[in-house]
């Protein structure tokens, strides 16, 4: 899979039913979509596997994720 195809798939997978998540993820893509590395894309893919409510809790800081390898991606998402 090409980088562009992977990013397009992740962008589509970023669409959520929860408005707050949609806003955060939309801003994330505007800021980081063009410069995201393949490692970051892999981390985002793992993060996006979370259920909506769990993902929102992680992004909003109400809950931490136990995988240190995902922390840099969580921090990028929290910045926006």
PDB file of N, CA and C in Angstrom:
ATOM      1  N   UNK A   1       0.847  -1.178   0.000  1.00  0.00           N
ATOM      2  CA  UNK A   1       0.000   0.000   0.000  1.00  0.00           C
ATOM      3  C   UNK A   1       0.892   1.241   0.000  1.00  0.00           C
ATOM      4  N   UNK A   2       0.565   2.184  -0.822  1.00  0.00           N
ATOM      5  CA  UNK A   2       1.345   3.419  -0.880  1.00  0.00           C
ATOM      6  C   UNK A   2       1.044   4.293   0.335  1.00  0.00           C
ATOM      7  N   UNK A   3       1.937   5.233   0.593  1.00  0.00           N
ATOM      8  CA  UNK A   3       1.745   6.166   1.708  1.00  0.00           C
ATOM      9  C   UNK A   3       0.442   6.941   1.532  1.00  0.00           C
ATOM     10  N   UNK A   4       0.200   7.404   0.309  1.00  0.00           N
ATOM     11  CA  UNK A   4      -1.012   8.180   0.031  1.00  0.00           C
ATOM     12  C   UNK A   4      -2.266   7.344   0.274  1.00  0.00           C
ATOM     13  N   UNK A   5      -2.245   6.095  -0.153  1.00  0.00           N
ATOM     14  CA  UNK A   5      -3.403   5.215   0.060  1.00  0.00           C
ATOM     15  C   UNK A   5      -3.630   4.957   1.539  1.00  0.00           C
ATOM     16  N   UNK A   6      -2.531   4.746   2.281  1.00  0.00           N
ATOM     17  CA  UNK A   6      -2.644   4.532   3.718  1.00  0.00           C
ATOM     18  C   UNK A   6      -3.243   5.756   4.405  1.00  0.00           C
ATOM     19  N   UNK A   7      -2.749   6.932   4.072  1.00  0.00           N
ATOM     20  CA  UNK A   7      -3.257   8.154   4.692  1.00  0.00           C
ATOM     21  C   UNK A   7      -4.720   8.403   4.321  1.00  0.00           C
ATOM     22  N   UNK A   8      -5.089   8.116   3.091  1.00  0.00           N
ATOM     23  CA  UNK A   8      -6.500   8.265   2.699  1.00  0.00           C
ATOM     24  C   UNK A   8      -7.398   7.316   3.484  1.00  0.00           C
ATOM     25  N   UNK A   9      -6.934   6.085   3.682  1.00  0.00           N
ATOM     26  CA  UNK A   9      -7.711   5.116   4.453  1.00  0.00           C
ATOM     27  C   UNK A   9      -7.855   5.579   5.898  1.00  0.00           C
ATOM     28  N   UNK A  10      -6.759   6.072   6.477  1.00  0.00           N
ATOM     29  CA  UNK A  10      -6.807   6.561   7.857  1.00  0.00           C
ATOM     30  C   UNK A  10      -7.697   7.800   7.988  1.00  0.00           C
ATOM     31  N   UNK A  11      -7.626   8.671   7.006  1.00  0.00           N
ATOM     32  CA  UNK A  11      -8.477   9.867   7.042  1.00  0.00           C
ATOM     33  C   UNK A  11      -9.950   9.458   7.021  1.00  0.00           C
ATOM     34  N   UNK A  12     -10.287   8.482   6.185  1.00  0.00           N
ATOM     35  CA  UNK A  12     -11.669   7.992   6.133  1.00  0.00           C
ATOM     36  C   UNK A  12     -12.056   7.345   7.465  1.00  0.00           C
ATOM     37  N   UNK A  13     -11.132   6.579   8.049  1.00  0.00           N
ATOM     38  CA  UNK A  13     -11.393   5.901   9.323  1.00  0.00           C
ATOM     39  C   UNK A  13     -11.500   6.909  10.473  1.00  0.00           C
ATOM     40  N   UNK A  14     -10.994   8.123  10.275  1.00  0.00           N
ATOM     41  CA  UNK A  14     -11.052   9.160  11.307  1.00  0.00           C
ATOM     42  C   UNK A  14     -12.443   9.766  11.449  1.00  0.00           C
ATOM     43  N   UNK A  15     -13.296   9.536  10.482  1.00  0.00           N
ATOM     44  CA  UNK A  15     -14.651  10.094  10.558  1.00  0.00           C
ATOM     45  C   UNK A  15     -15.423   9.363  11.646  1.00  0.00           C
ATOM     46  N   UNK A  16     -15.941  10.130  12.598  1.00  0.00           N
ATOM     47  CA  UNK A  16     -16.624   9.544  13.746  1.00  0.00           C
ATOM     48  C   UNK A  16     -17.999  10.159  13.914  1.00  0.00           C
ATOM     49  N   UNK A  17     -18.805   9.540  14.740  1.00  0.00           N
ATOM     50  CA  UNK A  17     -20.143  10.040  15.016  1.00  0.00           C
ATOM     51  C   UNK A  17     -20.173  11.081  16.124  1.00  0.00           C
ATOM     52  N   UNK A  18     -19.122  11.151  16.909  1.00  0.00           N
ATOM     53  CA  UNK A  18     -19.051  12.087  18.029  1.00  0.00           C
ATOM     54  C   UNK A  18     -18.456  13.408  17.525  1.00  0.00           C
ATOM     55  N   UNK A  19     -19.222  14.477  17.630  1.00  0.00           N
ATOM     56  CA  UNK A  19     -18.819  15.775  17.081  1.00  0.00           C
ATOM     57  C   UNK A  19     -17.453  16.220  17.600  1.00  0.00           C
ATOM     58  N   UNK A  20     -17.207  16.052  18.889  1.00  0.00           N
ATOM     59  CA  UNK A  20     -15.938  16.487  19.464  1.00  0.00           C
ATOM     60  C   UNK A  20     -14.765  15.768  18.803  1.00  0.00           C
ATOM     61  N   UNK A  21     -14.917  14.469  18.582  1.00  0.00           N
ATOM     62  CA  UNK A  21     -13.861  13.705  17.915  1.00  0.00           C
ATOM     63  C   UNK A  21     -13.676  14.163  16.479  1.00  0.00           C
ATOM     64  N   UNK A  22     -14.770  14.377  15.789  1.00  0.00           N
ATOM     65  CA  UNK A  22     -14.675  14.849  14.411  1.00  0.00           C
ATOM     66  C   UNK A  22     -13.907  16.165  14.335  1.00  0.00           C
ATOM     67  N   UNK A  23     -14.164  17.071  15.254  1.00  0.00           N
ATOM     68  CA  UNK A  23     -13.480  18.366  15.245  1.00  0.00           C
ATOM     69  C   UNK A  23     -11.990  18.211  15.514  1.00  0.00           C
ATOM     70  N   UNK A  24     -11.650  17.421  16.512  1.00  0.00           N
ATOM     71  CA  UNK A  24     -10.236  17.203  16.839  1.00  0.00           C
ATOM     72  C   UNK A  24      -9.516  16.522  15.681  1.00  0.00           C
ATOM     73  N   UNK A  25     -10.122  15.477  15.148  1.00  0.00           N
ATOM     74  CA  UNK A  25      -9.477  14.731  14.069  1.00  0.00           C
ATOM     75  C   UNK A  25      -9.375  15.557  12.788  1.00  0.00           C
ATOM     76  N   UNK A  26     -10.366  16.383  12.520  1.00  0.00           N
ATOM     77  CA  UNK A  26     -10.297  17.260  11.349  1.00  0.00           C
ATOM     78  C   UNK A  26      -9.143  18.244  11.485  1.00  0.00           C
ATOM     79  N   UNK A  27      -9.004  18.849  12.665  1.00  0.00           N
ATOM     80  CA  UNK A  27      -7.891  19.780  12.907  1.00  0.00           C
ATOM     81  C   UNK A  27      -6.552  19.054  12.824  1.00  0.00           C
ATOM     82  N   UNK A  28      -6.512  17.829  13.352  1.00  0.00           N
ATOM     83  CA  UNK A  28      -5.292  17.032  13.296  1.00  0.00           C
ATOM     84  C   UNK A  28      -4.856  16.826  11.843  1.00  0.00           C
ATOM     85  N   UNK A  29      -5.805  16.436  10.992  1.00  0.00           N
ATOM     86  CA  UNK A  29      -5.477  16.197   9.584  1.00  0.00           C
ATOM     87  C   UNK A  29      -5.024  17.471   8.897  1.00  0.00           C
ATOM     88  N   UNK A  30      -5.636  18.598   9.233  1.00  0.00           N
ATOM     89  CA  UNK A  30      -5.219  19.871   8.627  1.00  0.00           C
ATOM     90  C   UNK A  30      -3.784  20.224   9.009  1.00  0.00           C
ATOM     91  N   UNK A  31      -3.408  19.947  10.259  1.00  0.00           N
ATOM     92  CA  UNK A  31      -2.067  20.285  10.729  1.00  0.00           C
ATOM     93  C   UNK A  31      -1.007  19.265  10.353  1.00  0.00           C
ATOM     94  N   UNK A  32      -1.346  17.989  10.425  1.00  0.00           N
ATOM     95  CA  UNK A  32      -0.324  16.955  10.323  1.00  0.00           C
ATOM     96  C   UNK A  32      -0.505  15.989   9.147  1.00  0.00           C
ATOM     97  N   UNK A  33      -1.586  16.111   8.409  1.00  0.00           N
ATOM     98  CA  UNK A  33      -1.874  15.150   7.352  1.00  0.00           C
ATOM     99  C   UNK A  33      -0.804  15.057   6.277  1.00  0.00           C
ATOM    100  N   UNK A  34      -0.240  16.174   5.884  1.00  0.00           N
ATOM    101  CA  UNK A  34       0.744  16.184   4.804  1.00  0.00           C
ATOM    102  C   UNK A  34       2.134  15.763   5.266  1.00  0.00           C
ATOM    103  N   UNK A  35       2.410  15.900   6.551  1.00  0.00           N
ATOM    104  CA  UNK A  35       3.766  15.645   7.049  1.00  0.00           C
ATOM    105  C   UNK A  35       3.883  14.384   7.889  1.00  0.00           C
ATOM    106  N   UNK A  36       2.804  13.642   8.027  1.00  0.00           N
ATOM    107  CA  UNK A  36       2.804  12.461   8.883  1.00  0.00           C
ATOM    108  C   UNK A  36       3.730  11.379   8.326  1.00  0.00           C
ATOM    109  N   UNK A  37       4.564  10.845   9.206  1.00  0.00           N
ATOM    110  CA  UNK A  37       5.461   9.754   8.807  1.00  0.00           C
ATOM    111  C   UNK A  37       4.698   8.430   8.810  1.00  0.00           C
ATOM    112  N   UNK A  38       5.305   7.415   8.258  1.00  0.00           N
ATOM    113  CA  UNK A  38       4.679   6.087   8.259  1.00  0.00           C
ATOM    114  C   UNK A  38       4.558   5.541   9.685  1.00  0.00           C
ATOM    115  N   UNK A  39       5.533   5.838  10.541  1.00  0.00           N
ATOM    116  CA  UNK A  39       5.452   5.408  11.945  1.00  0.00           C
ATOM    117  C   UNK A  39       4.290   6.099  12.644  1.00  0.00           C
ATOM    118  N   UNK A  40       4.124   7.382  12.379  1.00  0.00           N
ATOM    119  CA  UNK A  40       2.995   8.105  12.964  1.00  0.00           C
ATOM    120  C   UNK A  40       1.674   7.564  12.430  1.00  0.00           C
ATOM    121  N   UNK A  41       1.633   7.242  11.163  1.00  0.00           N
ATOM    122  CA  UNK A  41       0.416   6.678  10.572  1.00  0.00           C
ATOM    123  C   UNK A  41       0.073   5.342  11.232  1.00  0.00           C
ATOM    124  N   UNK A  42       1.085   4.526  11.497  1.00  0.00           N
ATOM    125  CA  UNK A  42       0.850   3.237  12.162  1.00  0.00           C
ATOM    126  C   UNK A  42       0.318   3.450  13.576  1.00  0.00           C
ATOM    127  N   UNK A  43       0.856   4.455  14.278  1.00  0.00           N
ATOM    128  CA  UNK A  43       0.377   4.756  15.626  1.00  0.00           C
ATOM    129  C   UNK A  43      -1.059   5.273  15.575  1.00  0.00           C
ATOM    130  N   UNK A  44      -1.350   6.141  14.617  1.00  0.00           N
ATOM    131  CA  UNK A  44      -2.710   6.665  14.477  1.00  0.00           C
ATOM    132  C   UNK A  44      -3.687   5.528  14.183  1.00  0.00           C
ATOM    133  N   UNK A  45      -3.268   4.607  13.357  1.00  0.00           N
ATOM    134  CA  UNK A  45      -4.130   3.469  13.032  1.00  0.00           C
ATOM    135  C   UNK A  45      -4.505   2.698  14.296  1.00  0.00           C
ATOM    136  N   UNK A  46      -3.546   2.492  15.178  1.00  0.00           N
ATOM    137  CA  UNK A  46      -3.825   1.802  16.441  1.00  0.00           C
ATOM    138  C   UNK A  46      -4.751   2.621  17.334  1.00  0.00           C
ATOM    139  N   UNK A  47      -4.512   3.907  17.398  1.00  0.00           N
ATOM    140  CA  UNK A  47      -5.346   4.782  18.224  1.00  0.00           C
ATOM    141  C   UNK A  47      -6.791   4.779  17.717  1.00  0.00           C
ATOM    142  N   UNK A  48      -6.954   4.803  16.412  1.00  0.00           N
ATOM    143  CA  UNK A  48      -8.294   4.855  15.828  1.00  0.00           C
ATOM    144  C   UNK A  48      -9.076   3.559  16.010  1.00  0.00           C
ATOM    145  N   UNK A  49      -8.421   2.501  16.455  1.00  0.00           N
ATOM    146  CA  UNK A  49      -9.113   1.250  16.734  1.00  0.00           C
ATOM    147  C   UNK A  49      -9.939   1.319  18.015  1.00  0.00           C
ATOM    148  N   UNK A  50      -9.678   2.338  18.844  1.00  0.00           N
ATOM    149  CA  UNK A  50     -10.445   2.503  20.083  1.00  0.00           C
ATOM    150  C   UNK A  50     -11.887   2.871  19.768  1.00  0.00           C
ATOM    151  N   UNK A  51     -12.790   2.454  20.637  1.00  0.00           N
ATOM    152  CA  UNK A  51     -14.189   2.862  20.523  1.00  0.00           C
ATOM    153  C   UNK A  51     -14.272   4.373  20.720  1.00  0.00           C
ATOM    154  N   UNK A  52     -15.310   4.985  20.188  1.00  0.00           N
ATOM    155  CA  UNK A  52     -15.434   6.445  20.236  1.00  0.00           C
ATOM    156  C   UNK A  52     -15.304   7.018  21.642  1.00  0.00           C
ATOM    157  N   UNK A  53     -16.045   6.463  22.590  1.00  0.00           N
ATOM    158  CA  UNK A  53     -16.006   7.020  23.949  1.00  0.00           C
ATOM    159  C   UNK A  53     -14.628   6.853  24.575  1.00  0.00           C
ATOM    160  N   UNK A  54     -13.972   5.714  24.345  1.00  0.00           N
ATOM    161  CA  UNK A  54     -12.622   5.500  24.866  1.00  0.00           C
ATOM    162  C   UNK A  54     -11.629   6.448  24.200  1.00  0.00           C
ATOM    163  N   UNK A  55     -11.765   6.616  22.900  1.00  0.00           N
ATOM    164  CA  UNK A  55     -10.878   7.519  22.170  1.00  0.00           C
ATOM    165  C   UNK A  55     -11.031   8.951  22.684  1.00  0.00           C
ATOM    166  N   UNK A  56     -12.261   9.380  22.903  1.00  0.00           N
ATOM    167  CA  UNK A  56     -12.479  10.732  23.411  1.00  0.00           C
ATOM    168  C   UNK A  56     -11.886  10.883  24.812  1.00  0.00           C
ATOM    169  N   UNK A  57     -12.048   9.868  25.657  1.00  0.00           N
ATOM    170  CA  UNK A  57     -11.470   9.925  27.006  1.00  0.00           C
ATOM    171  C   UNK A  57      -9.949  10.047  26.951  1.00  0.00           C
ATOM    172  N   UNK A  58      -9.313   9.340  26.033  1.00  0.00           N
ATOM    173  CA  UNK A  58      -7.854   9.403  25.888  1.00  0.00           C
ATOM    174  C   UNK A  58      -7.429  10.769  25.368  1.00  0.00           C
ATOM    175  N   UNK A  59      -8.081  11.247  24.318  1.00  0.00           N
ATOM    176  CA  UNK A  59      -7.708  12.535  23.729  1.00  0.00           C
ATOM    177  C   UNK A  59      -7.965  13.682  24.694  1.00  0.00           C
ATOM    178  N   UNK A  60      -9.059  13.611  25.425  1.00  0.00           N
ATOM    179  CA  UNK A  60      -9.392  14.700  26.353  1.00  0.00           C
ATOM    180  C   UNK A  60      -8.591  14.634  27.651  1.00  0.00           C
ATOM    181  N   UNK A  61      -7.812  13.567  27.836  1.00  0.00           N
ATOM    182  CA  UNK A  61      -6.961  13.463  29.017  1.00  0.00           C
ATOM    183  C   UNK A  61      -7.630  12.836  30.225  1.00  0.00           C
ATOM    184  N   UNK A  62      -8.845  12.366  30.060  1.00  0.00           N
ATOM    185  CA  UNK A  62      -9.536  11.717  31.177  1.00  0.00           C
ATOM    186  C   UNK A  62      -9.027  10.308  31.435  1.00  0.00           C
ATOM    187  N   UNK A  63      -8.344   9.776  30.444  1.00  0.00           N
ATOM    188  CA  UNK A  63      -7.856   8.403  30.552  1.00  0.00           C
ATOM    189  C   UNK A  63      -6.512   8.331  29.833  1.00  0.00           C
ATOM    190  N   UNK A  64      -5.623   7.514  30.360  1.00  0.00           N
ATOM    191  CA  UNK A  64      -4.337   7.302  29.706  1.00  0.00           C
ATOM    192  C   UNK A  64      -4.356   5.981  28.966  1.00  0.00           C
ATOM    193  N   UNK A  65      -3.497   5.876  28.003  1.00  0.00           N
ATOM    194  CA  UNK A  65      -3.366   4.637  27.246  1.00  0.00           C
ATOM    195  C   UNK A  65      -2.088   3.945  27.724  1.00  0.00           C
ATOM    196  N   UNK A  66      -2.130   2.641  27.862  1.00  0.00           N
ATOM    197  CA  UNK A  66      -1.031   1.898  28.468  1.00  0.00           C
ATOM    198  C   UNK A  66       0.090   1.514  27.512  1.00  0.00           C
ATOM    199  N   UNK A  67       0.046   2.009  26.300  1.00  0.00           N
ATOM    200  CA  UNK A  67       1.076   1.682  25.323  1.00  0.00           C
ATOM    201  C   UNK A  67       1.980   2.896  25.101  1.00  0.00           C
ATOM    202  N   UNK A  68       3.181   2.875  25.663  1.00  0.00           N
ATOM    203  CA  UNK A  68       4.086   4.018  25.518  1.00  0.00           C
ATOM    204  C   UNK A  68       4.372   4.389  24.066  1.00  0.00           C
ATOM    205  N   UNK A  69       4.330   3.428  23.162  1.00  0.00           N
ATOM    206  CA  UNK A  69       4.614   3.722  21.757  1.00  0.00           C
ATOM    207  C   UNK A  69       3.556   4.619  21.124  1.00  0.00           C
ATOM    208  N   UNK A  70       2.373   4.691  21.737  1.00  0.00           N
ATOM    209  CA  UNK A  70       1.302   5.531  21.198  1.00  0.00           C
ATOM    210  C   UNK A  70       1.260   6.923  21.819  1.00  0.00           C
ATOM    211  N   UNK A  71       2.032   7.152  22.863  1.00  0.00           N
ATOM    212  CA  UNK A  71       2.000   8.445  23.558  1.00  0.00           C
ATOM    213  C   UNK A  71       2.314   9.633  22.649  1.00  0.00           C
ATOM    214  N   UNK A  72       3.326   9.551  21.776  1.00  0.00           N
ATOM    215  CA  UNK A  72       3.577  10.706  20.907  1.00  0.00           C
ATOM    216  C   UNK A  72       2.370  11.055  20.029  1.00  0.00           C
ATOM    217  N   UNK A  73       1.662  10.056  19.530  1.00  0.00           N
ATOM    218  CA  UNK A  73       0.475  10.320  18.716  1.00  0.00           C
ATOM    219  C   UNK A  73      -0.633  10.920  19.566  1.00  0.00           C
ATOM    220  N   UNK A  74      -0.807  10.417  20.771  1.00  0.00           N
ATOM    221  CA  UNK A  74      -1.823  10.968  21.675  1.00  0.00           C
ATOM    222  C   UNK A  74      -1.512  12.435  21.943  1.00  0.00           C
ATOM    223  N   UNK A  75      -0.252  12.763  22.144  1.00  0.00           N
ATOM    224  CA  UNK A  75       0.131  14.145  22.397  1.00  0.00           C
ATOM    225  C   UNK A  75      -0.169  15.035  21.183  1.00  0.00           C
ATOM    226  N   UNK A  76       0.086  14.538  19.981  1.00  0.00           N
ATOM    227  CA  UNK A  76      -0.261  15.313  18.780  1.00  0.00           C
ATOM    228  C   UNK A  76      -1.760  15.569  18.703  1.00  0.00           C
ATOM    229  N   UNK A  77      -2.543  14.551  19.018  1.00  0.00           N
ATOM    230  CA  UNK A  77      -3.991  14.712  18.988  1.00  0.00           C
ATOM    231  C   UNK A  77      -4.460  15.682  20.066  1.00  0.00           C
ATOM    232  N   UNK A  78      -3.838  15.656  21.220  1.00  0.00           N
ATOM    233  CA  UNK A  78      -4.225  16.563  22.304  1.00  0.00           C
ATOM    234  C   UNK A  78      -3.847  18.006  22.019  1.00  0.00           C
ATOM    235  N   UNK A  79      -2.825  18.223  21.201  1.00  0.00           N
ATOM    236  CA  UNK A  79      -2.386  19.580  20.864  1.00  0.00           C
ATOM    237  C   UNK A  79      -3.447  20.360  20.091  1.00  0.00           C
ATOM    238  N   UNK A  80      -4.216  19.649  19.293  1.00  0.00           N
ATOM    239  CA  UNK A  80      -5.171  20.347  18.435  1.00  0.00           C
ATOM    240  C   UNK A  80      -6.434  20.600  19.190  1.00  0.00           C
TER     241      UNK A  80
END
